[in-house]
């Protein structure tokens, strides 16, 4: 495994550890990495290699491990509007702030909307509004985002920032259970009329949300599902709580679903981009 960095004793130790781990099952790798924290912690962040390689099953593809330092570099290359940064910083002080999407996720969602030329969008699970605001900011003046959220307190924060950003006229807030809102939209004849949807809500409801959105989104439109890696728990067969099982089953269903094309992206906590065929 080659890197462009000088190889000190610590780097060589990490490489040997990585080589050993790559020949073990995924669960063993995760557990062994936890046990190897002391080794990694004693190494200089400037010299430790972060490239995992040499797995013949995947064509010896080199895959970079997203360390805090590298992630900081990623974030330094995100063009985050000031209003989004202000919202992110305010949300960071709130209870449940881990539910907020990251700046790189927000930027990707906005770009997908722009690439699609989307005018009608849906969000299931707004929280304080970072992702919905990122989308609303790039929608045309005639565009519309239906924002579904059941928590009134977090929704008030989102609505305040829609006002501050001057995009309130683009956002149709639906306070209540998202499934009921989506069903109502279908009954109102809005099927196949939306370009884009993003889901970051109750994980046990993912399949239900997806089926409803598949009726609302047009052919060629996108449905983006958040948290599909679920902090890595979906890949650990020893973890079998209700939410993990739900997401694991949902991911398997997407793989077998011929109605869509998919791409699972390891950004944030994992997102799967689904394109309706």
C-alpha atoms as a PDB file:
ATOM      1  CA  UNK A   1       0.000   0.000   0.000  1.00  0.00           C
ATOM      2  CA  UNK A   2       1.731   3.143  -1.193  1.00  0.00           C
ATOM      3  CA  UNK A   3       1.256   6.677   0.023  1.00  0.00           C
ATOM      4  CA  UNK A   4       2.910   9.972  -0.845  1.00  0.00           C
ATOM      5  CA  UNK A   5       4.003  10.343   2.783  1.00  0.00           C
ATOM      6  CA  UNK A   6       7.320   9.456   4.360  1.00  0.00           C
ATOM      7  CA  UNK A   7       7.024   6.117   6.134  1.00  0.00           C
ATOM      8  CA  UNK A   8       7.951   6.311   9.805  1.00  0.00           C
ATOM      9  CA  UNK A   9       7.742   3.449  12.287  1.00  0.00           C
ATOM     10  CA  UNK A  10       4.230   4.413  13.286  1.00  0.00           C
ATOM     11  CA  UNK A  11       3.028   4.516   9.671  1.00  0.00           C
ATOM     12  CA  UNK A  12       4.429   1.066   8.987  1.00  0.00           C
ATOM     13  CA  UNK A  13       2.654  -0.286  12.068  1.00  0.00           C
ATOM     14  CA  UNK A  14      -0.627   1.112  10.839  1.00  0.00           C
ATOM     15  CA  UNK A  15      -0.130  -0.381   7.400  1.00  0.00           C
ATOM     16  CA  UNK A  16       0.565  -3.788   8.873  1.00  0.00           C
ATOM     17  CA  UNK A  17      -2.526  -3.459  11.041  1.00  0.00           C
ATOM     18  CA  UNK A  18      -4.620  -2.487   8.000  1.00  0.00           C
ATOM     19  CA  UNK A  19      -3.228  -5.376   5.945  1.00  0.00           C
ATOM     20  CA  UNK A  20      -4.204  -7.784   8.733  1.00  0.00           C
ATOM     21  CA  UNK A  21      -7.678  -6.317   9.094  1.00  0.00           C
ATOM     22  CA  UNK A  22      -8.411  -6.422   5.385  1.00  0.00           C
ATOM     23  CA  UNK A  23      -8.245 -10.206   5.461  1.00  0.00           C
ATOM     24  CA  UNK A  24     -10.942 -10.437   8.140  1.00  0.00           C
ATOM     25  CA  UNK A  25     -14.748 -10.221   7.940  1.00  0.00           C
ATOM     26  CA  UNK A  26     -16.227  -6.718   8.188  1.00  0.00           C
ATOM     27  CA  UNK A  27     -17.379  -7.201  11.784  1.00  0.00           C
ATOM     28  CA  UNK A  28     -13.927  -8.327  12.837  1.00  0.00           C
ATOM     29  CA  UNK A  29     -12.419  -5.307  11.136  1.00  0.00           C
ATOM     30  CA  UNK A  30     -14.684  -2.930  13.054  1.00  0.00           C
ATOM     31  CA  UNK A  31     -13.948  -4.599  16.371  1.00  0.00           C
ATOM     32  CA  UNK A  32     -10.229  -4.787  15.705  1.00  0.00           C
ATOM     33  CA  UNK A  33     -10.111  -1.130  14.747  1.00  0.00           C
ATOM     34  CA  UNK A  34     -11.661  -0.292  18.099  1.00  0.00           C
ATOM     35  CA  UNK A  35      -8.938  -2.293  19.807  1.00  0.00           C
ATOM     36  CA  UNK A  36      -6.309  -0.508  17.718  1.00  0.00           C
ATOM     37  CA  UNK A  37      -7.172   2.991  18.927  1.00  0.00           C
ATOM     38  CA  UNK A  38      -4.084   3.138  21.129  1.00  0.00           C
ATOM     39  CA  UNK A  39      -1.864   2.388  18.147  1.00  0.00           C
ATOM     40  CA  UNK A  40      -3.543   5.033  16.027  1.00  0.00           C
ATOM     41  CA  UNK A  41      -3.658   7.513  18.879  1.00  0.00           C
ATOM     42  CA  UNK A  42       0.104   7.304  19.364  1.00  0.00           C
ATOM     43  CA  UNK A  43       0.757   8.092  15.719  1.00  0.00           C
ATOM     44  CA  UNK A  44       1.190  11.524  14.222  1.00  0.00           C
ATOM     45  CA  UNK A  45      -1.922  12.612  12.311  1.00  0.00           C
ATOM     46  CA  UNK A  46       0.414  14.196   9.770  1.00  0.00           C
ATOM     47  CA  UNK A  47       2.155  10.936   8.873  1.00  0.00           C
ATOM     48  CA  UNK A  48      -0.426   8.189   9.428  1.00  0.00           C
ATOM     49  CA  UNK A  49      -1.675   6.702   6.127  1.00  0.00           C
ATOM     50  CA  UNK A  50      -5.427   6.720   5.695  1.00  0.00           C
ATOM     51  CA  UNK A  51      -5.726   4.637   2.549  1.00  0.00           C
ATOM     52  CA  UNK A  52      -7.167   1.138   2.786  1.00  0.00           C
ATOM     53  CA  UNK A  53      -6.215  -0.999  -0.208  1.00  0.00           C
ATOM     54  CA  UNK A  54      -5.387  -4.417  -1.646  1.00  0.00           C
ATOM     55  CA  UNK A  55      -8.734  -6.177  -1.467  1.00  0.00           C
ATOM     56  CA  UNK A  56      -8.747  -8.381  -4.565  1.00  0.00           C
ATOM     57  CA  UNK A  57     -12.513  -8.936  -4.329  1.00  0.00           C
ATOM     58  CA  UNK A  58     -12.989  -5.263  -5.239  1.00  0.00           C
ATOM     59  CA  UNK A  59     -10.227  -5.021  -7.817  1.00  0.00           C
ATOM     60  CA  UNK A  60      -7.609  -3.720  -5.364  1.00  0.00           C
ATOM     61  CA  UNK A  61      -9.419  -0.391  -5.269  1.00  0.00           C
ATOM     62  CA  UNK A  62      -7.910   2.114  -2.887  1.00  0.00           C
ATOM     63  CA  UNK A  63     -10.551   3.677  -0.644  1.00  0.00           C
ATOM     64  CA  UNK A  64      -9.845   6.636   1.573  1.00  0.00           C
ATOM     65  CA  UNK A  65     -10.929   6.524   5.202  1.00  0.00           C
ATOM     66  CA  UNK A  66     -12.678   9.741   6.213  1.00  0.00           C
ATOM     67  CA  UNK A  67     -10.727  10.820   9.286  1.00  0.00           C
ATOM     68  CA  UNK A  68     -11.541  14.009  11.229  1.00  0.00           C
ATOM     69  CA  UNK A  69      -8.671  15.803   9.510  1.00  0.00           C
ATOM     70  CA  UNK A  70      -9.798  14.805   6.024  1.00  0.00           C
ATOM     71  CA  UNK A  71     -13.414  15.619   6.857  1.00  0.00           C
ATOM     72  CA  UNK A  72     -12.335  19.076   8.032  1.00  0.00           C
ATOM     73  CA  UNK A  73     -10.695  19.483   4.629  1.00  0.00           C
ATOM     74  CA  UNK A  74     -13.919  18.394   2.902  1.00  0.00           C
ATOM     75  CA  UNK A  75     -15.905  20.941   4.911  1.00  0.00           C
ATOM     76  CA  UNK A  76     -13.382  23.653   4.063  1.00  0.00           C
ATOM     77  CA  UNK A  77     -14.330  23.057   0.434  1.00  0.00           C
ATOM     78  CA  UNK A  78     -18.083  23.434   0.971  1.00  0.00           C
ATOM     79  CA  UNK A  79     -19.610  26.696  -0.257  1.00  0.00           C
ATOM     80  CA  UNK A  80     -21.997  27.155   2.639  1.00  0.00           C
ATOM     81  CA  UNK A  81     -24.226  30.258   2.423  1.00  0.00           C
ATOM     82  CA  UNK A  82     -24.037  32.486   5.494  1.00  0.00           C
ATOM     83  CA  UNK A  83     -27.693  31.928   6.361  1.00  0.00           C
ATOM     84  CA  UNK A  84     -27.138  28.149   6.399  1.00  0.00           C
ATOM     85  CA  UNK A  85     -24.079  28.499   8.596  1.00  0.00           C
ATOM     86  CA  UNK A  86     -26.042  30.676  11.000  1.00  0.00           C
ATOM     87  CA  UNK A  87     -28.819  28.067  11.162  1.00  0.00           C
ATOM     88  CA  UNK A  88     -26.312  25.248  11.641  1.00  0.00           C
ATOM     89  CA  UNK A  89     -24.599  27.066  14.487  1.00  0.00           C
ATOM     90  CA  UNK A  90     -27.887  27.823  16.236  1.00  0.00           C
ATOM     91  CA  UNK A  91     -29.069  24.231  15.821  1.00  0.00           C
ATOM     92  CA  UNK A  92     -25.789  22.900  17.223  1.00  0.00           C
ATOM     93  CA  UNK A  93     -26.792  24.322  20.603  1.00  0.00           C
ATOM     94  CA  UNK A  94     -30.155  22.573  20.569  1.00  0.00           C
ATOM     95  CA  UNK A  95     -31.183  19.181  21.855  1.00  0.00           C
ATOM     96  CA  UNK A  96     -31.034  16.575  19.094  1.00  0.00           C
ATOM     97  CA  UNK A  97     -28.635  18.641  16.985  1.00  0.00           C
ATOM     98  CA  UNK A  98     -27.111  15.424  15.608  1.00  0.00           C
ATOM     99  CA  UNK A  99     -30.214  15.123  13.439  1.00  0.00           C
ATOM    100  CA  UNK A 100     -29.139  18.118  11.355  1.00  0.00           C
ATOM    101  CA  UNK A 101     -27.626  17.204   7.992  1.00  0.00           C
ATOM    102  CA  UNK A 102     -23.999  18.179   7.442  1.00  0.00           C
ATOM    103  CA  UNK A 103     -22.917  21.058   5.176  1.00  0.00           C
ATOM    104  CA  UNK A 104     -21.544  18.678   2.542  1.00  0.00           C
ATOM    105  CA  UNK A 105     -24.875  16.832   2.484  1.00  0.00           C
ATOM    106  CA  UNK A 106     -26.767  20.111   2.111  1.00  0.00           C
ATOM    107  CA  UNK A 107     -24.524  21.140  -0.758  1.00  0.00           C
ATOM    108  CA  UNK A 108     -25.066  17.803  -2.539  1.00  0.00           C
ATOM    109  CA  UNK A 109     -28.854  18.026  -2.156  1.00  0.00           C
ATOM    110  CA  UNK A 110     -28.851  21.553  -3.567  1.00  0.00           C
ATOM    111  CA  UNK A 111     -26.726  20.477  -6.513  1.00  0.00           C
ATOM    112  CA  UNK A 112     -29.007  17.519  -7.295  1.00  0.00           C
ATOM    113  CA  UNK A 113     -31.974  19.902  -7.349  1.00  0.00           C
ATOM    114  CA  UNK A 114     -30.113  22.240  -9.678  1.00  0.00           C
ATOM    115  CA  UNK A 115     -28.992  19.429 -12.008  1.00  0.00           C
ATOM    116  CA  UNK A 116     -32.593  18.216 -12.243  1.00  0.00           C
ATOM    117  CA  UNK A 117     -33.876  21.707 -12.896  1.00  0.00           C
ATOM    118  CA  UNK A 118     -36.388  20.860 -10.174  1.00  0.00           C
ATOM    119  CA  UNK A 119     -39.324  23.138  -9.468  1.00  0.00           C
ATOM    120  CA  UNK A 120     -41.411  20.964  -7.140  1.00  0.00           C
ATOM    121  CA  UNK A 121     -39.775  19.232  -4.184  1.00  0.00           C
ATOM    122  CA  UNK A 122     -40.774  17.382  -1.021  1.00  0.00           C
ATOM    123  CA  UNK A 123     -38.963  16.958   2.277  1.00  0.00           C
ATOM    124  CA  UNK A 124     -40.018  14.393   4.868  1.00  0.00           C
ATOM    125  CA  UNK A 125     -38.477  15.311   8.208  1.00  0.00           C
ATOM    126  CA  UNK A 126     -37.505  18.971   8.367  1.00  0.00           C
ATOM    127  CA  UNK A 127     -36.104  19.330  11.916  1.00  0.00           C
ATOM    128  CA  UNK A 128     -34.782  22.918  12.072  1.00  0.00           C
ATOM    129  CA  UNK A 129     -34.666  23.280   8.307  1.00  0.00           C
ATOM    130  CA  UNK A 130     -31.052  23.064   7.141  1.00  0.00           C
ATOM    131  CA  UNK A 131     -31.666  20.701   4.207  1.00  0.00           C
ATOM    132  CA  UNK A 132     -34.983  22.285   3.233  1.00  0.00           C
ATOM    133  CA  UNK A 133     -33.425  25.749   3.303  1.00  0.00           C
ATOM    134  CA  UNK A 134     -30.501  24.521   1.179  1.00  0.00           C
ATOM    135  CA  UNK A 135     -33.019  23.266  -1.386  1.00  0.00           C
ATOM    136  CA  UNK A 136     -35.296  26.310  -1.220  1.00  0.00           C
ATOM    137  CA  UNK A 137     -32.368  28.649  -1.815  1.00  0.00           C
ATOM    138  CA  UNK A 138     -31.654  27.089  -5.225  1.00  0.00           C
ATOM    139  CA  UNK A 139     -35.261  26.667  -6.352  1.00  0.00           C
ATOM    140  CA  UNK A 140     -36.524  29.180  -8.923  1.00  0.00           C
ATOM    141  CA  UNK A 141     -38.833  31.911  -7.645  1.00  0.00           C
ATOM    142  CA  UNK A 142     -41.795  29.933  -8.932  1.00  0.00           C
ATOM    143  CA  UNK A 143     -40.561  26.744  -7.236  1.00  0.00           C
ATOM    144  CA  UNK A 144     -42.233  24.994  -4.315  1.00  0.00           C
ATOM    145  CA  UNK A 145     -40.953  22.776  -1.515  1.00  0.00           C
ATOM    146  CA  UNK A 146     -43.466  20.831   0.570  1.00  0.00           C
ATOM    147  CA  UNK A 147     -41.866  20.518   4.012  1.00  0.00           C
ATOM    148  CA  UNK A 148     -43.366  17.825   6.276  1.00  0.00           C
ATOM    149  CA  UNK A 149     -42.531  17.915  10.004  1.00  0.00           C
ATOM    150  CA  UNK A 150     -44.420  16.818  13.103  1.00  0.00           C
ATOM    151  CA  UNK A 151     -42.351  18.632  15.760  1.00  0.00           C
ATOM    152  CA  UNK A 152     -43.693  22.156  16.214  1.00  0.00           C
ATOM    153  CA  UNK A 153     -40.712  23.503  18.172  1.00  0.00           C
ATOM    154  CA  UNK A 154     -38.084  22.640  15.574  1.00  0.00           C
ATOM    155  CA  UNK A 155     -40.445  23.700  12.812  1.00  0.00           C
ATOM    156  CA  UNK A 156     -40.672  27.197  14.305  1.00  0.00           C
ATOM    157  CA  UNK A 157     -36.896  27.530  13.939  1.00  0.00           C
ATOM    158  CA  UNK A 158     -37.099  26.384  10.321  1.00  0.00           C
ATOM    159  CA  UNK A 159     -39.880  28.844   9.515  1.00  0.00           C
ATOM    160  CA  UNK A 160     -37.919  31.688  11.076  1.00  0.00           C
ATOM    161  CA  UNK A 161     -34.962  30.938   8.821  1.00  0.00           C
ATOM    162  CA  UNK A 162     -37.148  30.633   5.738  1.00  0.00           C
ATOM    163  CA  UNK A 163     -38.229  34.188   6.526  1.00  0.00           C
ATOM    164  CA  UNK A 164     -34.671  35.405   7.123  1.00  0.00           C
ATOM    165  CA  UNK A 165     -33.525  33.871   3.846  1.00  0.00           C
ATOM    166  CA  UNK A 166     -36.471  35.309   1.913  1.00  0.00           C
ATOM    167  CA  UNK A 167     -37.717  31.918   0.703  1.00  0.00           C
ATOM    168  CA  UNK A 168     -40.929  31.519   2.719  1.00  0.00           C
ATOM    169  CA  UNK A 169     -42.989  31.931  -0.451  1.00  0.00           C
ATOM    170  CA  UNK A 170     -41.323  28.809  -1.842  1.00  0.00           C
ATOM    171  CA  UNK A 171     -41.999  26.586   1.182  1.00  0.00           C
ATOM    172  CA  UNK A 172     -45.333  24.944   1.926  1.00  0.00           C
ATOM    173  CA  UNK A 173     -45.031  23.753   5.529  1.00  0.00           C
ATOM    174  CA  UNK A 174     -47.163  20.763   6.524  1.00  0.00           C
ATOM    175  CA  UNK A 175     -47.197  20.286  10.291  1.00  0.00           C
ATOM    176  CA  UNK A 176     -48.255  16.779  11.237  1.00  0.00           C
ATOM    177  CA  UNK A 177     -47.613  13.159  10.347  1.00  0.00           C
ATOM    178  CA  UNK A 178     -45.748  13.034   7.043  1.00  0.00           C
ATOM    179  CA  UNK A 179     -47.459   9.860   5.840  1.00  0.00           C
ATOM    180  CA  UNK A 180     -50.859  11.510   6.179  1.00  0.00           C
ATOM    181  CA  UNK A 181     -49.658  14.613   4.339  1.00  0.00           C
ATOM    182  CA  UNK A 182     -48.263  12.525   1.474  1.00  0.00           C
ATOM    183  CA  UNK A 183     -51.450  10.470   1.205  1.00  0.00           C
ATOM    184  CA  UNK A 184     -53.477  13.672   1.070  1.00  0.00           C
ATOM    185  CA  UNK A 185     -51.290  15.014  -1.739  1.00  0.00           C
ATOM    186  CA  UNK A 186     -51.843  11.819  -3.731  1.00  0.00           C
ATOM    187  CA  UNK A 187     -55.601  12.024  -3.178  1.00  0.00           C
ATOM    188  CA  UNK A 188     -55.511  15.623  -4.386  1.00  0.00           C
ATOM    189  CA  UNK A 189     -54.198  14.463  -7.754  1.00  0.00           C
ATOM    190  CA  UNK A 190     -50.572  15.483  -7.287  1.00  0.00           C
ATOM    191  CA  UNK A 191     -49.168  12.114  -8.343  1.00  0.00           C
ATOM    192  CA  UNK A 192     -46.094  12.096 -10.616  1.00  0.00           C
ATOM    193  CA  UNK A 193     -45.808  15.881 -10.429  1.00  0.00           C
ATOM    194  CA  UNK A 194     -42.775  16.313  -8.156  1.00  0.00           C
ATOM    195  CA  UNK A 195     -39.160  16.380  -9.271  1.00  0.00           C
ATOM    196  CA  UNK A 196     -37.278  15.674  -6.064  1.00  0.00           C
ATOM    197  CA  UNK A 197     -37.797  14.344  -2.545  1.00  0.00           C
ATOM    198  CA  UNK A 198     -35.559  13.996   0.501  1.00  0.00           C
ATOM    199  CA  UNK A 199     -36.328  11.771   3.489  1.00  0.00           C
ATOM    200  CA  UNK A 200     -34.744  12.152   6.926  1.00  0.00           C
ATOM    201  CA  UNK A 201     -37.418  11.017   9.361  1.00  0.00           C
ATOM    202  CA  UNK A 202     -38.623   7.978  11.320  1.00  0.00           C
ATOM    203  CA  UNK A 203     -36.403   5.121  10.110  1.00  0.00           C
ATOM    204  CA  UNK A 204     -39.057   2.495  10.750  1.00  0.00           C
ATOM    205  CA  UNK A 205     -41.310   4.321   8.291  1.00  0.00           C
ATOM    206  CA  UNK A 206     -38.806   4.492   5.444  1.00  0.00           C
ATOM    207  CA  UNK A 207     -40.490   1.889   3.259  1.00  0.00           C
ATOM    208  CA  UNK A 208     -43.886   3.557   3.721  1.00  0.00           C
ATOM    209  CA  UNK A 209     -42.498   7.000   2.916  1.00  0.00           C
ATOM    210  CA  UNK A 210     -40.689   5.636  -0.110  1.00  0.00           C
ATOM    211  CA  UNK A 211     -43.786   3.971  -1.558  1.00  0.00           C
ATOM    212  CA  UNK A 212     -45.812   7.158  -1.159  1.00  0.00           C
ATOM    213  CA  UNK A 213     -43.086   9.327  -2.668  1.00  0.00           C
ATOM    214  CA  UNK A 214     -42.698   6.962  -5.591  1.00  0.00           C
ATOM    215  CA  UNK A 215     -46.287   7.837  -6.459  1.00  0.00           C
ATOM    216  CA  UNK A 216     -45.665  11.572  -6.140  1.00  0.00           C
ATOM    217  CA  UNK A 217     -42.327  11.841  -7.972  1.00  0.00           C
ATOM    218  CA  UNK A 218     -42.263  11.876 -11.778  1.00  0.00           C
ATOM    219  CA  UNK A 219     -40.332   9.476 -13.970  1.00  0.00           C
ATOM    220  CA  UNK A 220     -36.721  10.692 -13.980  1.00  0.00           C
ATOM    221  CA  UNK A 221     -37.191  12.384 -10.610  1.00  0.00           C
ATOM    222  CA  UNK A 222     -35.097  11.671  -7.521  1.00  0.00           C
ATOM    223  CA  UNK A 223     -35.854  10.371  -4.034  1.00  0.00           C
ATOM    224  CA  UNK A 224     -32.927  10.713  -1.630  1.00  0.00           C
ATOM    225  CA  UNK A 225     -32.963   8.661   1.568  1.00  0.00           C
ATOM    226  CA  UNK A 226     -30.742   9.714   4.490  1.00  0.00           C
ATOM    227  CA  UNK A 227     -29.079   7.603   7.227  1.00  0.00           C
ATOM    228  CA  UNK A 228     -28.890   4.443   5.132  1.00  0.00           C
ATOM    229  CA  UNK A 229     -25.587   3.455   6.805  1.00  0.00           C
ATOM    230  CA  UNK A 230     -27.007   4.135  10.274  1.00  0.00           C
ATOM    231  CA  UNK A 231     -23.674   4.807  11.996  1.00  0.00           C
ATOM    232  CA  UNK A 232     -22.315   1.581  10.511  1.00  0.00           C
ATOM    233  CA  UNK A 233     -24.779  -0.592  12.405  1.00  0.00           C
ATOM    234  CA  UNK A 234     -26.420  -1.934   9.234  1.00  0.00           C
ATOM    235  CA  UNK A 235     -23.151  -3.669   8.352  1.00  0.00           C
ATOM    236  CA  UNK A 236     -22.807  -5.371  11.736  1.00  0.00           C
ATOM    237  CA  UNK A 237     -24.850  -8.616  11.963  1.00  0.00           C
ATOM    238  CA  UNK A 238     -24.525  -8.467  15.743  1.00  0.00           C
ATOM    239  CA  UNK A 239     -26.691  -5.332  15.854  1.00  0.00           C
ATOM    240  CA  UNK A 240     -30.392  -6.143  15.519  1.00  0.00           C
ATOM    241  CA  UNK A 241     -32.448  -3.403  17.141  1.00  0.00           C
ATOM    242  CA  UNK A 242     -35.705  -2.379  15.455  1.00  0.00           C
ATOM    243  CA  UNK A 243     -34.369   0.719  13.668  1.00  0.00           C
ATOM    244  CA  UNK A 244     -31.261  -1.020  12.375  1.00  0.00           C
ATOM    245  CA  UNK A 245     -33.260  -3.977  11.080  1.00  0.00           C
ATOM    246  CA  UNK A 246     -35.709  -1.594   9.435  1.00  0.00           C
ATOM    247  CA  UNK A 247     -32.989   0.300   7.563  1.00  0.00           C
ATOM    248  CA  UNK A 248     -31.149  -2.919   6.681  1.00  0.00           C
ATOM    249  CA  UNK A 249     -34.336  -4.389   5.205  1.00  0.00           C
ATOM    250  CA  UNK A 250     -35.099  -1.128   3.433  1.00  0.00           C
ATOM    251  CA  UNK A 251     -31.645  -1.114   1.803  1.00  0.00           C
ATOM    252  CA  UNK A 252     -32.161  -4.691   0.650  1.00  0.00           C
ATOM    253  CA  UNK A 253     -35.552  -3.761  -0.808  1.00  0.00           C
ATOM    254  CA  UNK A 254     -34.028  -0.870  -2.754  1.00  0.00           C
ATOM    255  CA  UNK A 255     -31.399  -3.183  -4.206  1.00  0.00           C
ATOM    256  CA  UNK A 256     -34.117  -5.459  -5.574  1.00  0.00           C
ATOM    257  CA  UNK A 257     -36.496  -2.686  -6.711  1.00  0.00           C
ATOM    258  CA  UNK A 258     -36.586  -2.536 -10.518  1.00  0.00           C
ATOM    259  CA  UNK A 259     -38.676   0.657 -10.449  1.00  0.00           C
ATOM    260  CA  UNK A 260     -35.615   2.726  -9.621  1.00  0.00           C
ATOM    261  CA  UNK A 261     -31.913   3.182 -10.299  1.00  0.00           C
ATOM    262  CA  UNK A 262     -29.871   3.643  -7.125  1.00  0.00           C
ATOM    263  CA  UNK A 263     -26.555   4.926  -5.826  1.00  0.00           C
ATOM    264  CA  UNK A 264     -25.608   4.623  -2.159  1.00  0.00           C
ATOM    265  CA  UNK A 265     -23.239   7.450  -1.272  1.00  0.00           C
ATOM    266  CA  UNK A 266     -21.074   7.383   1.899  1.00  0.00           C
ATOM    267  CA  UNK A 267     -21.661  11.024   2.772  1.00  0.00           C
ATOM    268  CA  UNK A 268     -22.882  12.056   6.214  1.00  0.00           C
ATOM    269  CA  UNK A 269     -24.505   8.929   7.661  1.00  0.00           C
ATOM    270  CA  UNK A 270     -24.987   7.512   4.182  1.00  0.00           C
ATOM    271  CA  UNK A 271     -27.507   8.584   1.537  1.00  0.00           C
ATOM    272  CA  UNK A 272     -29.093   6.551  -1.245  1.00  0.00           C
ATOM    273  CA  UNK A 273     -30.047   8.478  -4.356  1.00  0.00           C
ATOM    274  CA  UNK A 274     -32.964   6.799  -6.154  1.00  0.00           C
ATOM    275  CA  UNK A 275     -33.997   7.757  -9.687  1.00  0.00           C
ATOM    276  CA  UNK A 276     -37.501   6.750 -10.707  1.00  0.00           C
ATOM    277  CA  UNK A 277     -37.537   4.773 -13.949  1.00  0.00           C
END
